[in-house]
Amino acid sequence: MPLYEYVCEACDHSFEAMQSLSTKPEDTTCPKCQAAKSRRIMSSFASKIVGTHKTGFSEIKAYNMLDERMDKLKKLPPMMGQRAAPTEANSQPSSSE
């Protein structure tokens, strides 16, 4: 069950109440003056990570994948390679006719 924060409009007392999601804010009574004029206020959200989840795991995985790809690219020949120096064999046009 979530923990909600309330402010009583009758006495301006702020309090917290653990209630189910289906409970209406109008039905909540103030613990100080017992008035049913409570208003739910916006509060911060908190969560607890349970298990082996690590923060930043997706970023670590992405960097590992990038490193693997860069290692594979290093093994390829350069895209803009240099031409071989002309020799007698490759300077003559081929006579296929």
PDB file of N, CA and C in Angstrom:
ATOM      1  N   MET A   1       0.839  -1.175   0.000  1.00  0.00           N
ATOM      2  CA  MET A   1       0.000   0.000   0.000  1.00  0.00           C
ATOM      3  C   MET A   1       0.885   1.240   0.000  1.00  0.00           C
ATOM      4  N   PRO A   2       0.493   2.245  -0.761  1.00  0.00           N
ATOM      5  CA  PRO A   2       1.303   3.469  -0.823  1.00  0.00           C
ATOM      6  C   PRO A   2       1.097   4.362   0.394  1.00  0.00           C
ATOM      7  N   LEU A   3       2.071   5.201   0.636  1.00  0.00           N
ATOM      8  CA  LEU A   3       2.044   6.156   1.733  1.00  0.00           C
ATOM      9  C   LEU A   3       1.709   7.523   1.135  1.00  0.00           C
ATOM     10  N   TYR A   4       0.612   8.133   1.588  1.00  0.00           N
ATOM     11  CA  TYR A   4       0.167   9.425   1.074  1.00  0.00           C
ATOM     12  C   TYR A   4       0.395  10.502   2.125  1.00  0.00           C
ATOM     13  N   GLU A   5       0.616  11.731   1.642  1.00  0.00           N
ATOM     14  CA  GLU A   5       0.736  12.890   2.520  1.00  0.00           C
ATOM     15  C   GLU A   5      -0.529  13.716   2.401  1.00  0.00           C
ATOM     16  N   TYR A   6      -1.015  14.187   3.543  1.00  0.00           N
ATOM     17  CA  TYR A   6      -2.253  14.973   3.591  1.00  0.00           C
ATOM     18  C   TYR A   6      -2.035  16.247   4.383  1.00  0.00           C
ATOM     19  N   VAL A   7      -2.910  17.233   4.119  1.00  0.00           N
ATOM     20  CA  VAL A   7      -2.992  18.454   4.903  1.00  0.00           C
ATOM     21  C   VAL A   7      -4.456  18.631   5.263  1.00  0.00           C
ATOM     22  N   CYS A   8      -4.720  18.829   6.535  1.00  0.00           N
ATOM     23  CA  CYS A   8      -6.085  19.057   6.995  1.00  0.00           C
ATOM     24  C   CYS A   8      -6.437  20.515   6.719  1.00  0.00           C
ATOM     25  N   GLU A   9      -7.548  20.739   6.035  1.00  0.00           N
ATOM     26  CA  GLU A   9      -7.949  22.108   5.726  1.00  0.00           C
ATOM     27  C   GLU A   9      -8.592  22.793   6.932  1.00  0.00           C
ATOM     28  N   ALA A  10      -8.966  22.040   7.946  1.00  0.00           N
ATOM     29  CA  ALA A  10      -9.584  22.627   9.135  1.00  0.00           C
ATOM     30  C   ALA A  10      -8.533  23.176  10.091  1.00  0.00           C
ATOM     31  N   CYS A  11      -7.466  22.398  10.343  1.00  0.00           N
ATOM     32  CA  CYS A  11      -6.458  22.838  11.333  1.00  0.00           C
ATOM     33  C   CYS A  11      -5.050  22.996  10.748  1.00  0.00           C
ATOM     34  N   ASP A  12      -4.875  22.817   9.452  1.00  0.00           N
ATOM     35  CA  ASP A  12      -3.576  22.935   8.757  1.00  0.00           C
ATOM     36  C   ASP A  12      -2.532  21.965   9.295  1.00  0.00           C
ATOM     37  N   HIS A  13      -2.951  20.854   9.810  1.00  0.00           N
ATOM     38  CA  HIS A  13      -2.043  19.816  10.291  1.00  0.00           C
ATOM     39  C   HIS A  13      -1.655  18.925   9.109  1.00  0.00           C
ATOM     40  N   SER A  14      -0.357  18.666   8.924  1.00  0.00           N
ATOM     41  CA  SER A  14       0.089  17.768   7.854  1.00  0.00           C
ATOM     42  C   SER A  14       0.408  16.410   8.465  1.00  0.00           C
ATOM     43  N   PHE A  15      -0.003  15.356   7.762  1.00  0.00           N
ATOM     44  CA  PHE A  15       0.207  13.998   8.260  1.00  0.00           C
ATOM     45  C   PHE A  15       0.322  13.035   7.096  1.00  0.00           C
ATOM     46  N   GLU A  16       0.781  11.843   7.398  1.00  0.00           N
ATOM     47  CA  GLU A  16       0.925  10.778   6.406  1.00  0.00           C
ATOM     48  C   GLU A  16      -0.027   9.646   6.758  1.00  0.00           C
ATOM     49  N   ALA A  17      -0.514   8.974   5.708  1.00  0.00           N
ATOM     50  CA  ALA A  17      -1.405   7.837   5.935  1.00  0.00           C
ATOM     51  C   ALA A  17      -1.113   6.770   4.889  1.00  0.00           C
ATOM     52  N   MET A  18      -1.003   5.536   5.330  1.00  0.00           N
ATOM     53  CA  MET A  18      -0.821   4.419   4.419  1.00  0.00           C
ATOM     54  C   MET A  18      -2.207   3.878   4.066  1.00  0.00           C
ATOM     55  N   GLN A  19      -2.564   4.022   2.786  1.00  0.00           N
ATOM     56  CA  GLN A  19      -3.904   3.659   2.348  1.00  0.00           C
ATOM     57  C   GLN A  19      -3.832   2.899   1.041  1.00  0.00           C
ATOM     58  N   SER A  20      -4.919   2.235   0.702  1.00  0.00           N
ATOM     59  CA  SER A  20      -4.989   1.540  -0.579  1.00  0.00           C
ATOM     60  C   SER A  20      -5.219   2.566  -1.686  1.00  0.00           C
ATOM     61  N   LEU A  21      -5.025   2.146  -2.913  1.00  0.00           N
ATOM     62  CA  LEU A  21      -5.183   3.048  -4.047  1.00  0.00           C
ATOM     63  C   LEU A  21      -6.631   3.496  -4.233  1.00  0.00           C
ATOM     64  N   SER A  22      -7.582   2.683  -3.810  1.00  0.00           N
ATOM     65  CA  SER A  22      -8.991   2.998  -4.037  1.00  0.00           C
ATOM     66  C   SER A  22      -9.574   3.950  -3.000  1.00  0.00           C
ATOM     67  N   THR A  23      -8.838   4.291  -1.951  1.00  0.00           N
ATOM     68  CA  THR A  23      -9.343   5.193  -0.919  1.00  0.00           C
ATOM     69  C   THR A  23      -9.385   6.619  -1.449  1.00  0.00           C
ATOM     70  N   LYS A  24     -10.510   7.293  -1.230  1.00  0.00           N
ATOM     71  CA  LYS A  24     -10.668   8.679  -1.678  1.00  0.00           C
ATOM     72  C   LYS A  24     -10.052   9.621  -0.645  1.00  0.00           C
ATOM     73  N   PRO A  25      -9.442  10.711  -1.106  1.00  0.00           N
ATOM     74  CA  PRO A  25      -8.852  11.668  -0.160  1.00  0.00           C
ATOM     75  C   PRO A  25      -9.898  12.307   0.757  1.00  0.00           C
ATOM     76  N   GLU A  26     -11.124  12.459   0.280  1.00  0.00           N
ATOM     77  CA  GLU A  26     -12.171  13.087   1.084  1.00  0.00           C
ATOM     78  C   GLU A  26     -12.563  12.228   2.282  1.00  0.00           C
ATOM     79  N   ASP A  27     -12.342  10.918   2.201  1.00  0.00           N
ATOM     80  CA  ASP A  27     -12.722  10.009   3.282  1.00  0.00           C
ATOM     81  C   ASP A  27     -11.682   9.929   4.395  1.00  0.00           C
ATOM     82  N   THR A  28     -10.530  10.586   4.219  1.00  0.00           N
ATOM     83  CA  THR A  28      -9.458  10.532   5.207  1.00  0.00           C
ATOM     84  C   THR A  28      -9.719  11.561   6.300  1.00  0.00           C
ATOM     85  N   THR A  29      -9.651  11.129   7.542  1.00  0.00           N
ATOM     86  CA  THR A  29      -9.876  12.045   8.676  1.00  0.00           C
ATOM     87  C   THR A  29      -8.544  12.464   9.278  1.00  0.00           C
ATOM     88  N   CYS A  30      -8.494  13.659   9.771  1.00  0.00           N
ATOM     89  CA  CYS A  30      -7.290  14.206  10.392  1.00  0.00           C
ATOM     90  C   CYS A  30      -7.089  13.549  11.756  1.00  0.00           C
ATOM     91  N   PRO A  31      -5.880  13.085  12.066  1.00  0.00           N
ATOM     92  CA  PRO A  31      -5.653  12.468  13.389  1.00  0.00           C
ATOM     93  C   PRO A  31      -5.650  13.482  14.536  1.00  0.00           C
ATOM     94  N   LYS A  32      -5.496  14.764  14.236  1.00  0.00           N
ATOM     95  CA  LYS A  32      -5.427  15.781  15.290  1.00  0.00           C
ATOM     96  C   LYS A  32      -6.822  16.288  15.675  1.00  0.00           C
ATOM     97  N   CYS A  33      -7.625  16.708  14.649  1.00  0.00           N
ATOM     98  CA  CYS A  33      -8.928  17.296  14.950  1.00  0.00           C
ATOM     99  C   CYS A  33     -10.101  16.407  14.530  1.00  0.00           C
ATOM    100  N   GLN A  34      -9.843  15.276  13.936  1.00  0.00           N
ATOM    101  CA  GLN A  34     -10.850  14.297  13.483  1.00  0.00           C
ATOM    102  C   GLN A  34     -11.803  14.853  12.420  1.00  0.00           C
ATOM    103  N   ALA A  35     -11.404  15.928  11.733  1.00  0.00           N
ATOM    104  CA  ALA A  35     -12.230  16.494  10.658  1.00  0.00           C
ATOM    105  C   ALA A  35     -11.986  15.701   9.380  1.00  0.00           C
ATOM    106  N   ALA A  36     -13.025  15.606   8.560  1.00  0.00           N
ATOM    107  CA  ALA A  36     -12.912  14.884   7.291  1.00  0.00           C
ATOM    108  C   ALA A  36     -12.678  15.856   6.149  1.00  0.00           C
ATOM    109  N   LYS A  37     -11.813  16.827   6.375  1.00  0.00           N
ATOM    110  CA  LYS A  37     -11.513  17.847   5.367  1.00  0.00           C
ATOM    111  C   LYS A  37     -10.037  17.773   4.974  1.00  0.00           C
ATOM    112  N   SER A  38      -9.555  16.583   4.727  1.00  0.00           N
ATOM    113  CA  SER A  38      -8.145  16.413   4.378  1.00  0.00           C
ATOM    114  C   SER A  38      -7.951  16.526   2.876  1.00  0.00           C
ATOM    115  N   ARG A  39      -6.824  17.093   2.504  1.00  0.00           N
ATOM    116  CA  ARG A  39      -6.468  17.264   1.095  1.00  0.00           C
ATOM    117  C   ARG A  39      -5.138  16.564   0.864  1.00  0.00           C
ATOM    118  N   ARG A  40      -5.103  15.720  -0.173  1.00  0.00           N
ATOM    119  CA  ARG A  40      -3.872  14.994  -0.505  1.00  0.00           C
ATOM    120  C   ARG A  40      -2.926  15.951  -1.211  1.00  0.00           C
ATOM    121  N   ILE A  41      -1.659  15.936  -0.790  1.00  0.00           N
ATOM    122  CA  ILE A  41      -0.672  16.815  -1.420  1.00  0.00           C
ATOM    123  C   ILE A  41       0.335  15.973  -2.192  1.00  0.00           C
ATOM    124  N   MET A  42       1.014  16.612  -3.123  1.00  0.00           N
ATOM    125  CA  MET A  42       2.014  15.944  -3.946  1.00  0.00           C
ATOM    126  C   MET A  42       3.254  15.689  -3.106  1.00  0.00           C
ATOM    127  N   SER A  43       3.769  14.496  -3.180  1.00  0.00           N
ATOM    128  CA  SER A  43       4.964  14.154  -2.412  1.00  0.00           C
ATOM    129  C   SER A  43       5.980  13.498  -3.328  1.00  0.00           C
ATOM    130  N   SER A  44       7.169  13.312  -2.813  1.00  0.00           N
ATOM    131  CA  SER A  44       8.229  12.698  -3.619  1.00  0.00           C
ATOM    132  C   SER A  44       8.022  11.196  -3.703  1.00  0.00           C
ATOM    133  N   PHE A  45       8.597  10.605  -4.715  1.00  0.00           N
ATOM    134  CA  PHE A  45       8.479   9.174  -4.952  1.00  0.00           C
ATOM    135  C   PHE A  45       9.764   8.494  -4.513  1.00  0.00           C
ATOM    136  N   ALA A  46       9.626   7.369  -3.849  1.00  0.00           N
ATOM    137  CA  ALA A  46      10.793   6.605  -3.420  1.00  0.00           C
ATOM    138  C   ALA A  46      10.580   5.150  -3.795  1.00  0.00           C
ATOM    139  N   SER A  47      11.642   4.492  -4.184  1.00  0.00           N
ATOM    140  CA  SER A  47      11.549   3.068  -4.509  1.00  0.00           C
ATOM    141  C   SER A  47      12.788   2.359  -3.974  1.00  0.00           C
ATOM    142  N   LYS A  48      12.653   1.081  -3.817  1.00  0.00           N
ATOM    143  CA  LYS A  48      13.753   0.272  -3.325  1.00  0.00           C
ATOM    144  C   LYS A  48      14.080  -0.768  -4.392  1.00  0.00           C
ATOM    145  N   ILE A  49      15.334  -0.837  -4.783  1.00  0.00           N
ATOM    146  CA  ILE A  49      15.748  -1.801  -5.790  1.00  0.00           C
ATOM    147  C   ILE A  49      16.103  -3.095  -5.070  1.00  0.00           C
ATOM    148  N   VAL A  50      15.434  -4.152  -5.457  1.00  0.00           N
ATOM    149  CA  VAL A  50      15.648  -5.452  -4.832  1.00  0.00           C
ATOM    150  C   VAL A  50      16.230  -6.393  -5.872  1.00  0.00           C
ATOM    151  N   GLY A  51      17.228  -7.148  -5.506  1.00  0.00           N
ATOM    152  CA  GLY A  51      17.804  -8.118  -6.425  1.00  0.00           C
ATOM    153  C   GLY A  51      19.198  -7.723  -6.855  1.00  0.00           C
ATOM    154  N   THR A  52      19.588  -8.201  -8.026  1.00  0.00           N
ATOM    155  CA  THR A  52      20.941  -7.978  -8.510  1.00  0.00           C
ATOM    156  C   THR A  52      21.026  -6.841  -9.516  1.00  0.00           C
ATOM    157  N   HIS A  53      19.986  -6.018  -9.589  1.00  0.00           N
ATOM    158  CA  HIS A  53      20.002  -4.895 -10.534  1.00  0.00           C
ATOM    159  C   HIS A  53      21.069  -3.889 -10.110  1.00  0.00           C
ATOM    160  N   LYS A  54      21.867  -3.478 -11.067  1.00  0.00           N
ATOM    161  CA  LYS A  54      22.898  -2.492 -10.796  1.00  0.00           C
ATOM    162  C   LYS A  54      22.522  -1.207 -11.508  1.00  0.00           C
ATOM    163  N   THR A  55      22.713  -0.095 -10.849  1.00  0.00           N
ATOM    164  CA  THR A  55      22.431   1.177 -11.501  1.00  0.00           C
ATOM    165  C   THR A  55      23.448   1.400 -12.603  1.00  0.00           C
ATOM    166  N   GLY A  56      22.992   1.873 -13.728  1.00  0.00           N
ATOM    167  CA  GLY A  56      23.875   2.116 -14.853  1.00  0.00           C
ATOM    168  C   GLY A  56      24.219   0.874 -15.640  1.00  0.00           C
ATOM    169  N   PHE A  57      23.502  -0.233 -15.418  1.00  0.00           N
ATOM    170  CA  PHE A  57      23.822  -1.477 -16.103  1.00  0.00           C
ATOM    171  C   PHE A  57      23.668  -1.342 -17.610  1.00  0.00           C
ATOM    172  N   SER A  58      22.623  -0.647 -18.065  1.00  0.00           N
ATOM    173  CA  SER A  58      22.416  -0.513 -19.506  1.00  0.00           C
ATOM    174  C   SER A  58      23.541   0.304 -20.147  1.00  0.00           C
ATOM    175  N   GLU A  59      24.054   1.316 -19.428  1.00  0.00           N
ATOM    176  CA  GLU A  59      25.161   2.106 -19.968  1.00  0.00           C
ATOM    177  C   GLU A  59      26.429   1.279 -20.054  1.00  0.00           C
ATOM    178  N   ILE A  60      26.682   0.466 -19.042  1.00  0.00           N
ATOM    179  CA  ILE A  60      27.870  -0.392 -19.050  1.00  0.00           C
ATOM    180  C   ILE A  60      27.782  -1.380 -20.205  1.00  0.00           C
ATOM    181  N   LYS A  61      26.599  -1.951 -20.406  1.00  0.00           N
ATOM    182  CA  LYS A  61      26.409  -2.905 -21.489  1.00  0.00           C
ATOM    183  C   LYS A  61      26.629  -2.231 -22.840  1.00  0.00           C
ATOM    184  N   ALA A  62      26.137  -1.006 -22.995  1.00  0.00           N
ATOM    185  CA  ALA A  62      26.307  -0.282 -24.258  1.00  0.00           C
ATOM    186  C   ALA A  62      27.784  -0.004 -24.530  1.00  0.00           C
ATOM    187  N   TYR A  63      28.531   0.404 -23.506  1.00  0.00           N
ATOM    188  CA  TYR A  63      29.960   0.664 -23.701  1.00  0.00           C
ATOM    189  C   TYR A  63      30.721  -0.621 -24.023  1.00  0.00           C
ATOM    190  N   ASN A  64      30.342  -1.725 -23.418  1.00  0.00           N
ATOM    191  CA  ASN A  64      30.985  -3.000 -23.730  1.00  0.00           C
ATOM    192  C   ASN A  64      30.727  -3.401 -25.180  1.00  0.00           C
ATOM    193  N   MET A  65      29.493  -3.196 -25.644  1.00  0.00           N
ATOM    194  CA  MET A  65      29.164  -3.516 -27.039  1.00  0.00           C
ATOM    195  C   MET A  65      29.949  -2.625 -27.992  1.00  0.00           C
ATOM    196  N   LEU A  66      30.105  -1.333 -27.640  1.00  0.00           N
ATOM    197  CA  LEU A  66      30.877  -0.414 -28.466  1.00  0.00           C
ATOM    198  C   LEU A  66      32.334  -0.859 -28.540  1.00  0.00           C
ATOM    199  N   ASP A  67      32.898  -1.256 -27.407  1.00  0.00           N
ATOM    200  CA  ASP A  67      34.287  -1.712 -27.401  1.00  0.00           C
ATOM    201  C   ASP A  67      34.471  -2.957 -28.264  1.00  0.00           C
ATOM    202  N   GLU A  68      33.513  -3.890 -28.216  1.00  0.00           N
ATOM    203  CA  GLU A  68      33.597  -5.092 -29.045  1.00  0.00           C
ATOM    204  C   GLU A  68      33.561  -4.742 -30.526  1.00  0.00           C
ATOM    205  N   ARG A  69      32.687  -3.815 -30.904  1.00  0.00           N
ATOM    206  CA  ARG A  69      32.586  -3.410 -32.316  1.00  0.00           C
ATOM    207  C   ARG A  69      33.857  -2.716 -32.776  1.00  0.00           C
ATOM    208  N   MET A  70      34.432  -1.866 -31.913  1.00  0.00           N
ATOM    209  CA  MET A  70      35.655  -1.173 -32.295  1.00  0.00           C
ATOM    210  C   MET A  70      36.813  -2.152 -32.451  1.00  0.00           C
ATOM    211  N   ASP A  71      36.855  -3.187 -31.632  1.00  0.00           N
ATOM    212  CA  ASP A  71      37.897  -4.212 -31.787  1.00  0.00           C
ATOM    213  C   ASP A  71      37.752  -4.939 -33.113  1.00  0.00           C
ATOM    214  N   LYS A  72      36.512  -5.222 -33.526  1.00  0.00           N
ATOM    215  CA  LYS A  72      36.287  -5.883 -34.811  1.00  0.00           C
ATOM    216  C   LYS A  72      36.673  -4.973 -35.968  1.00  0.00           C
ATOM    217  N   LEU A  73      36.385  -3.670 -35.838  1.00  0.00           N
ATOM    218  CA  LEU A  73      36.727  -2.740 -36.912  1.00  0.00           C
ATOM    219  C   LEU A  73      38.237  -2.558 -37.054  1.00  0.00           C
ATOM    220  N   LYS A  74      38.969  -2.689 -35.971  1.00  0.00           N
ATOM    221  CA  LYS A  74      40.426  -2.546 -36.037  1.00  0.00           C
ATOM    222  C   LYS A  74      41.060  -3.653 -36.868  1.00  0.00           C
ATOM    223  N   LYS A  75      40.401  -4.799 -36.945  1.00  0.00           N
ATOM    224  CA  LYS A  75      40.952  -5.935 -37.688  1.00  0.00           C
ATOM    225  C   LYS A  75      40.714  -5.823 -39.192  1.00  0.00           C
ATOM    226  N   LEU A  76      39.804  -4.939 -39.607  1.00  0.00           N
ATOM    227  CA  LEU A  76      39.510  -4.778 -41.030  1.00  0.00           C
ATOM    228  C   LEU A  76      40.597  -3.948 -41.704  1.00  0.00           C
ATOM    229  N   PRO A  77      40.788  -4.137 -43.018  1.00  0.00           N
ATOM    230  CA  PRO A  77      41.752  -3.295 -43.741  1.00  0.00           C
ATOM    231  C   PRO A  77      41.208  -1.868 -43.825  1.00  0.00           C
ATOM    232  N   PRO A  78      42.074  -0.885 -43.990  1.00  0.00           N
ATOM    233  CA  PRO A  78      41.607   0.498 -44.052  1.00  0.00           C
ATOM    234  C   PRO A  78      40.725   0.729 -45.271  1.00  0.00           C
ATOM    235  N   MET A  79      39.711   1.565 -45.108  1.00  0.00           N
ATOM    236  CA  MET A  79      38.791   1.846 -46.206  1.00  0.00           C
ATOM    237  C   MET A  79      39.472   2.668 -47.290  1.00  0.00           C
ATOM    238  N   MET A  80      40.298   3.609 -46.892  1.00  0.00           N
ATOM    239  CA  MET A  80      40.992   4.465 -47.851  1.00  0.00           C
ATOM    240  C   MET A  80      42.457   4.026 -47.927  1.00  0.00           C
ATOM    241  N   GLY A  81      42.680   2.878 -48.495  1.00  0.00           N
ATOM    242  CA  GLY A  81      44.029   2.338 -48.591  1.00  0.00           C
ATOM    243  C   GLY A  81      44.853   3.059 -49.644  1.00  0.00           C
ATOM    244  N   GLN A  82      46.143   2.902 -49.600  1.00  0.00           N
ATOM    245  CA  GLN A  82      47.029   3.503 -50.581  1.00  0.00           C
ATOM    246  C   GLN A  82      47.184   2.559 -51.756  1.00  0.00           C
ATOM    247  N   ARG A  83      47.381   3.130 -52.930  1.00  0.00           N
ATOM    248  CA  ARG A  83      47.604   2.317 -54.121  1.00  0.00           C
ATOM    249  C   ARG A  83      49.015   1.740 -54.086  1.00  0.00           C
ATOM    250  N   ALA A  84      49.112   0.586 -54.632  1.00  0.00           N
ATOM    251  CA  ALA A  84      50.429  -0.042 -54.729  1.00  0.00           C
ATOM    252  C   ALA A  84      51.241   0.689 -55.791  1.00  0.00           C
ATOM    253  N   ALA A  85      52.519   0.720 -55.594  1.00  0.00           N
ATOM    254  CA  ALA A  85      53.398   1.374 -56.571  1.00  0.00           C
ATOM    255  C   ALA A  85      53.322   0.615 -57.887  1.00  0.00           C
ATOM    256  N   PRO A  86      53.306   1.330 -59.021  1.00  0.00           N
ATOM    257  CA  PRO A  86      53.204   0.644 -60.323  1.00  0.00           C
ATOM    258  C   PRO A  86      54.424  -0.222 -60.594  1.00  0.00           C
ATOM    259  N   THR A  87      54.151  -1.378 -61.085  1.00  0.00           N
ATOM    260  CA  THR A  87      55.212  -2.306 -61.484  1.00  0.00           C
ATOM    261  C   THR A  87      55.005  -2.647 -62.952  1.00  0.00           C
ATOM    262  N   GLU A  88      55.877  -3.412 -63.508  1.00  0.00           N
ATOM    263  CA  GLU A  88      55.770  -3.810 -64.907  1.00  0.00           C
ATOM    264  C   GLU A  88      54.508  -4.635 -65.131  1.00  0.00           C
ATOM    265  N   ALA A  89      54.124  -5.467 -64.182  1.00  0.00           N
ATOM    266  CA  ALA A  89      52.967  -6.355 -64.355  1.00  0.00           C
ATOM    267  C   ALA A  89      51.655  -5.578 -64.280  1.00  0.00           C
ATOM    268  N   ASN A  90      51.565  -4.605 -63.414  1.00  0.00           N
ATOM    269  CA  ASN A  90      50.273  -3.936 -63.302  1.00  0.00           C
ATOM    270  C   ASN A  90      50.192  -2.602 -64.035  1.00  0.00           C
ATOM    271  N   SER A  91      51.276  -2.180 -64.731  1.00  0.00           N
ATOM    272  CA  SER A  91      51.225  -0.932 -65.483  1.00  0.00           C
ATOM    273  C   SER A  91      50.773  -1.136 -66.926  1.00  0.00           C
ATOM    274  N   GLN A  92      50.873  -2.331 -67.456  1.00  0.00           N
ATOM    275  CA  GLN A  92      50.455  -2.603 -68.835  1.00  0.00           C
ATOM    276  C   GLN A  92      48.969  -2.929 -68.875  1.00  0.00           C
ATOM    277  N   PRO A  93      48.239  -2.377 -69.861  1.00  0.00           N
ATOM    278  CA  PRO A  93      46.824  -2.736 -69.982  1.00  0.00           C
ATOM    279  C   PRO A  93      46.691  -4.216 -70.325  1.00  0.00           C
ATOM    280  N   SER A  94      45.634  -4.807 -69.796  1.00  0.00           N
ATOM    281  CA  SER A  94      45.444  -6.220 -70.050  1.00  0.00           C
ATOM    282  C   SER A  94      44.985  -6.439 -71.493  1.00  0.00           C
ATOM    283  N   SER A  95      45.505  -7.452 -72.128  1.00  0.00           N
ATOM    284  CA  SER A  95      45.147  -7.733 -73.536  1.00  0.00           C
ATOM    285  C   SER A  95      44.175  -8.911 -73.561  1.00  0.00           C
ATOM    286  N   SER A  96      42.920  -8.588 -73.352  1.00  0.00           N
ATOM    287  CA  SER A  96      41.908  -9.656 -73.330  1.00  0.00           C
ATOM    288  C   SER A  96      41.317  -9.874 -74.700  1.00  0.00           C
ATOM    289  N   GLU A  97      41.686  -9.086 -75.726  1.00  0.00           N
ATOM    290  CA  GLU A  97      41.107  -9.247 -77.053  1.00  0.00           C
ATOM    291  C   GLU A  97      41.860 -10.205 -77.900  1.00  0.00           C
TER     292      GLU A  97
END
